[in-house]
Protein backbone atom coordinates (compact mmCIF):
# COMPACT_ATOMS: atom_id res chain seq x y z
CA MET A 1 87.89 79.04 88.18
CA ASN A 2 90.14 78.20 85.18
CA HIS A 3 93.66 77.21 86.44
CA THR A 4 94.97 76.26 82.86
CA HIS A 5 98.55 77.88 82.39
CA ILE A 6 99.37 79.12 79.05
CA ILE A 7 102.91 80.12 78.31
CA VAL A 8 103.04 82.55 74.99
CA VAL A 9 106.56 82.98 73.56
CA GLU A 10 106.63 85.95 71.18
CA ASP A 11 109.31 88.50 70.45
CA ASP A 12 106.63 91.17 69.23
CA GLU A 13 105.59 92.52 72.53
CA LYS A 14 102.43 93.95 70.97
CA ILE A 15 101.38 90.66 69.50
CA ALA A 16 102.32 89.00 72.85
CA GLN A 17 100.17 91.31 74.86
CA ILE A 18 97.11 91.12 72.58
CA LEU A 19 97.23 87.14 73.05
CA VAL A 20 97.71 87.76 76.76
CA ASP A 21 94.73 89.90 76.93
CA TYR A 22 92.37 87.64 75.01
CA LEU A 23 93.59 84.58 76.76
CA ASP A 24 93.16 86.18 80.05
CA ASN A 25 89.62 87.30 79.08
CA ALA A 26 89.00 83.62 78.16
CA GLY A 27 89.94 82.67 81.75
CA PHE A 28 93.37 81.31 81.26
CA LYS A 29 96.48 82.17 83.28
CA VAL A 30 99.11 83.68 80.84
CA THR A 31 102.90 84.08 81.06
CA ALA A 32 104.58 85.96 78.29
CA LEU A 33 108.20 85.30 77.17
CA TYR A 34 109.85 87.73 74.60
CA ASP A 35 112.68 85.57 73.39
CA GLY A 36 113.58 82.04 72.95
CA LYS A 37 117.06 81.97 74.97
CA ASN A 38 115.58 80.48 78.11
CA ALA A 39 112.36 79.35 76.92
CA VAL A 40 112.91 75.57 77.36
CA GLU A 41 114.45 75.96 80.88
CA THR A 42 111.26 78.30 81.78
CA ILE A 43 108.79 75.79 80.46
CA GLN A 44 110.38 72.86 82.10
CA LYS A 45 110.40 74.68 85.15
CA ASN A 46 106.73 76.04 85.21
CA LYS A 47 105.16 73.04 83.45
CA PRO A 48 102.34 75.16 81.65
CA ASP A 49 99.25 73.28 80.05
CA PHE A 50 99.75 74.84 76.88
CA VAL A 51 102.54 76.65 74.87
CA ILE A 52 101.93 79.22 72.16
CA LEU A 53 105.19 79.61 70.16
CA ASP A 54 106.44 81.81 67.82
CA LEU A 55 108.59 80.73 64.75
CA MET A 56 111.14 83.29 64.68
CA LEU A 57 112.63 84.22 67.97
CA PRO A 58 115.57 86.09 69.16
CA GLY A 59 118.01 83.67 70.99
CA LYS A 60 116.67 80.36 69.86
CA ASP A 61 114.09 79.80 67.14
CA GLY A 62 110.60 78.14 67.67
CA LEU A 63 111.36 75.02 65.57
CA SER A 64 114.47 74.37 68.14
CA ILE A 65 112.34 74.92 71.10
CA CYS A 66 109.77 72.88 70.07
CA LYS A 67 111.97 69.72 69.28
CA GLU A 68 113.60 70.20 72.65
CA LEU A 69 110.43 70.29 74.54
CA ARG A 70 109.25 67.04 72.84
CA GLN A 71 112.23 65.40 74.48
CA PHE A 72 110.77 65.47 77.90
CA SER A 73 107.09 66.74 77.57
CA THR A 74 103.72 66.19 75.67
CA VAL A 75 102.36 69.66 76.32
CA PRO A 76 100.28 70.88 73.71
CA ILE A 77 102.02 73.53 71.31
CA LEU A 78 100.65 75.85 68.83
CA MET A 79 103.20 77.35 66.62
CA LEU A 80 102.85 81.04 65.16
CA THR A 81 104.53 81.68 61.68
CA ALA A 82 104.54 84.66 59.30
CA ARG A 83 106.74 82.54 56.81
CA VAL A 84 104.50 80.48 54.28
CA ASP A 85 107.53 78.62 53.28
CA GLU A 86 107.87 77.20 56.76
CA ILE A 87 104.05 75.63 56.87
CA ASP A 88 105.35 72.30 55.41
CA ARG A 89 107.68 71.96 58.19
CA LEU A 90 105.60 72.80 60.82
CA ILE A 91 102.66 70.44 59.67
CA GLY A 92 105.23 67.73 59.05
CA LEU A 93 107.44 65.46 61.26
CA GLU A 94 110.18 67.32 62.68
CA THR A 95 108.58 69.79 65.17
CA GLY A 96 106.00 67.68 67.22
CA ALA A 97 103.75 70.92 67.22
CA ASP A 98 100.09 70.23 67.63
CA ASP A 99 98.75 73.03 65.34
CA TYR A 100 99.98 76.15 63.70
CA VAL A 101 98.46 79.66 62.93
CA CYS A 102 99.66 81.82 60.40
CA LYS A 103 100.38 85.70 60.95
CA PRO A 104 98.31 87.95 60.63
CA PHE A 105 95.70 86.10 62.76
CA LEU A 106 92.70 87.13 64.60
CA PRO A 107 93.15 86.56 68.60
CA ARG A 108 89.69 85.02 68.90
CA GLU A 109 90.78 82.33 66.40
CA VAL A 110 93.88 81.62 68.35
CA VAL A 111 91.86 81.42 71.36
CA ALA A 112 89.58 79.05 69.86
CA ARG A 113 92.24 76.88 68.60
CA VAL A 114 93.81 76.60 72.19
CA GLN A 115 90.32 75.60 73.38
CA THR A 116 89.64 73.07 70.81
CA ILE A 117 93.09 71.46 71.44
CA LEU A 118 92.93 71.33 75.13
CA ARG A 119 89.41 69.82 75.02
CA ARG A 120 90.57 67.01 72.75
CA VAL A 121 93.85 66.39 74.79
CA GLN A 122 91.94 66.21 78.06
CA LYS A 123 89.33 63.73 76.31
CA TYR A 124 91.97 61.64 74.92
CA SER A 125 93.97 61.75 78.26
CA LEU A 126 90.84 60.34 80.15
CA GLU A 127 90.18 57.83 77.52
CA SER A 128 93.89 56.76 77.58
CA ALA A 129 94.34 56.62 81.34
CA ASN A 130 94.06 52.69 81.60
CA ASP A 131 96.40 50.07 81.78
CA LYS A 132 99.82 49.57 80.08
CA ILE A 133 100.09 48.15 76.57
CA ALA A 134 102.79 45.47 76.08
CA TYR A 135 104.04 43.98 72.94
CA ARG A 136 107.23 42.08 72.22
CA GLY A 137 109.08 44.08 75.04
CA VAL A 138 107.66 47.50 73.99
CA VAL A 139 105.52 48.89 76.93
CA LEU A 140 103.47 52.00 76.51
CA SER A 141 102.14 53.94 79.44
CA PRO A 142 99.10 55.93 77.90
CA ASP A 143 98.58 57.89 81.39
CA ASN A 144 101.93 59.62 81.00
CA PHE A 145 102.72 59.07 77.26
CA GLN A 146 105.85 57.08 78.12
CA CYS A 147 107.33 54.40 75.81
CA THR A 148 109.95 51.68 77.11
CA VAL A 149 111.68 48.87 75.53
CA SER A 150 113.40 46.76 77.73
CA GLU A 151 113.49 49.65 80.31
CA VAL A 152 115.01 52.13 77.94
CA VAL A 153 112.79 55.16 77.47
CA LEU A 154 112.04 55.99 74.14
CA ASN A 155 111.33 59.74 73.20
CA LEU A 156 108.17 59.67 71.14
CA THR A 157 106.32 62.81 70.06
CA PRO A 158 102.71 62.81 70.85
CA VAL A 159 101.77 61.82 67.39
CA GLU A 160 104.13 58.79 67.05
CA PHE A 161 102.86 57.71 70.58
CA ARG A 162 99.31 57.49 69.30
CA LEU A 163 100.45 55.98 65.85
CA LEU A 164 102.33 53.18 67.94
CA LYS A 165 99.44 52.72 70.60
CA THR A 166 96.79 52.43 67.55
CA LEU A 167 98.96 49.45 66.00
CA MET A 168 99.81 47.90 69.48
CA THR A 169 96.17 47.84 70.68
CA HIS A 170 95.41 45.11 67.86
CA PRO A 171 98.52 43.39 66.87
CA GLY A 172 98.20 41.89 63.39
CA ARG A 173 95.34 44.02 62.47
CA VAL A 174 96.18 45.99 59.10
CA TYR A 175 95.36 49.88 59.72
CA THR A 176 95.03 52.19 56.67
CA ARG A 177 96.92 55.35 56.51
CA ASP A 178 93.71 57.11 56.99
CA ASN A 179 92.92 54.87 60.07
CA LEU A 180 96.39 56.21 61.39
CA ILE A 181 95.87 59.61 60.56
CA GLN A 182 92.52 59.69 62.43
CA SER A 183 94.05 57.96 65.62
CA SER A 184 97.28 60.04 65.53
CA TYR A 185 95.89 63.60 64.99
CA LEU A 186 93.32 64.86 67.53
CA ASP A 187 92.38 67.96 65.67
CA GLY A 188 90.94 66.86 62.53
CA ARG A 189 93.62 68.58 60.13
CA ILE A 190 94.23 67.18 56.62
CA VAL A 191 97.40 65.08 56.71
CA SER A 192 99.18 63.34 53.46
CA ASP A 193 99.94 59.97 53.23
CA ARG A 194 103.62 60.86 53.01
CA THR A 195 103.36 62.41 56.35
CA ILE A 196 102.15 59.07 58.13
CA ASP A 197 104.77 57.38 56.15
CA SER A 198 107.33 59.41 57.52
CA HIS A 199 105.95 58.96 61.02
CA VAL A 200 106.22 55.40 60.84
CA LYS A 201 109.60 55.62 59.51
CA ASN A 202 110.82 57.50 62.65
CA VAL A 203 108.98 55.08 64.94
CA ARG A 204 110.55 52.07 63.22
CA LYS A 205 114.03 53.72 63.71
CA LYS A 206 113.64 54.78 67.30
CA LEU A 207 112.39 51.15 67.97
CA SER A 208 115.00 49.69 65.86
CA ASP A 209 117.70 51.51 67.72
CA VAL A 210 117.06 49.73 71.12
CA MET A 211 115.80 46.49 69.67
CA ASN A 212 118.90 45.29 67.96
CA GLY A 213 117.56 46.07 64.50
CA ASN A 214 114.37 44.17 64.76
CA GLU A 215 111.27 45.86 63.21
CA ILE A 216 108.01 45.00 64.45
CA ILE A 217 105.95 47.35 62.13
CA GLN A 218 105.20 45.64 58.95
CA THR A 219 104.24 47.55 55.64
CA ILE A 220 101.28 46.10 53.73
CA TYR A 221 101.77 47.69 50.20
CA GLY A 222 98.97 49.83 49.12
CA VAL A 223 97.11 49.36 52.24
CA GLY A 224 99.02 50.21 55.23
CA TYR A 225 100.68 49.04 58.34
CA LYS A 226 100.31 46.34 61.13
CA LEU A 227 102.36 44.96 63.88
CA GLU A 228 103.97 41.53 63.28
């Protein structure tokens, strides 16, 4: 029996019910929320295995919810949007979402996306549940996606964590942007070099804030990045 718990946050009750029905038929346990007001607290309390999150919600919008969730959770998040102009933001750096689907969508497509993301996340978790990785005071714990610097916990998104883990696995090795895209994104999506550059910028800032301005990620112009 599949005990995977999915929380759907969607204010359109018809759409929410369709998703609940299809996910239930696929063997998932599903809970529906119809506004964003208490979504973060409900997700934090229930600790679901997956979250489907509409972009436009009453009470609190999906982007805000996603950002708040990423402060304490690496739960896979699939965003739903009917606004084409928001797609760049969803693909980009600010949300921490794992994937997105545009409305109108086929319910079967959503179920397939959920299953694909869960398989890849579970595979990555099994492969990553090994010893901690440490470099110049930065310590990564792959089993719980935690990053600490001198015992200070850094809030990294899953993509940022995977990117830093790749660089820390082989300090001194130069990784191209394509290398980092492949290791940071598990769903095979097409990501621009600019997106990876922005991820690196975010990681650098988070590290620098707790390392007295020291930067350990070096840019190799025209090629990519390495740890120095």
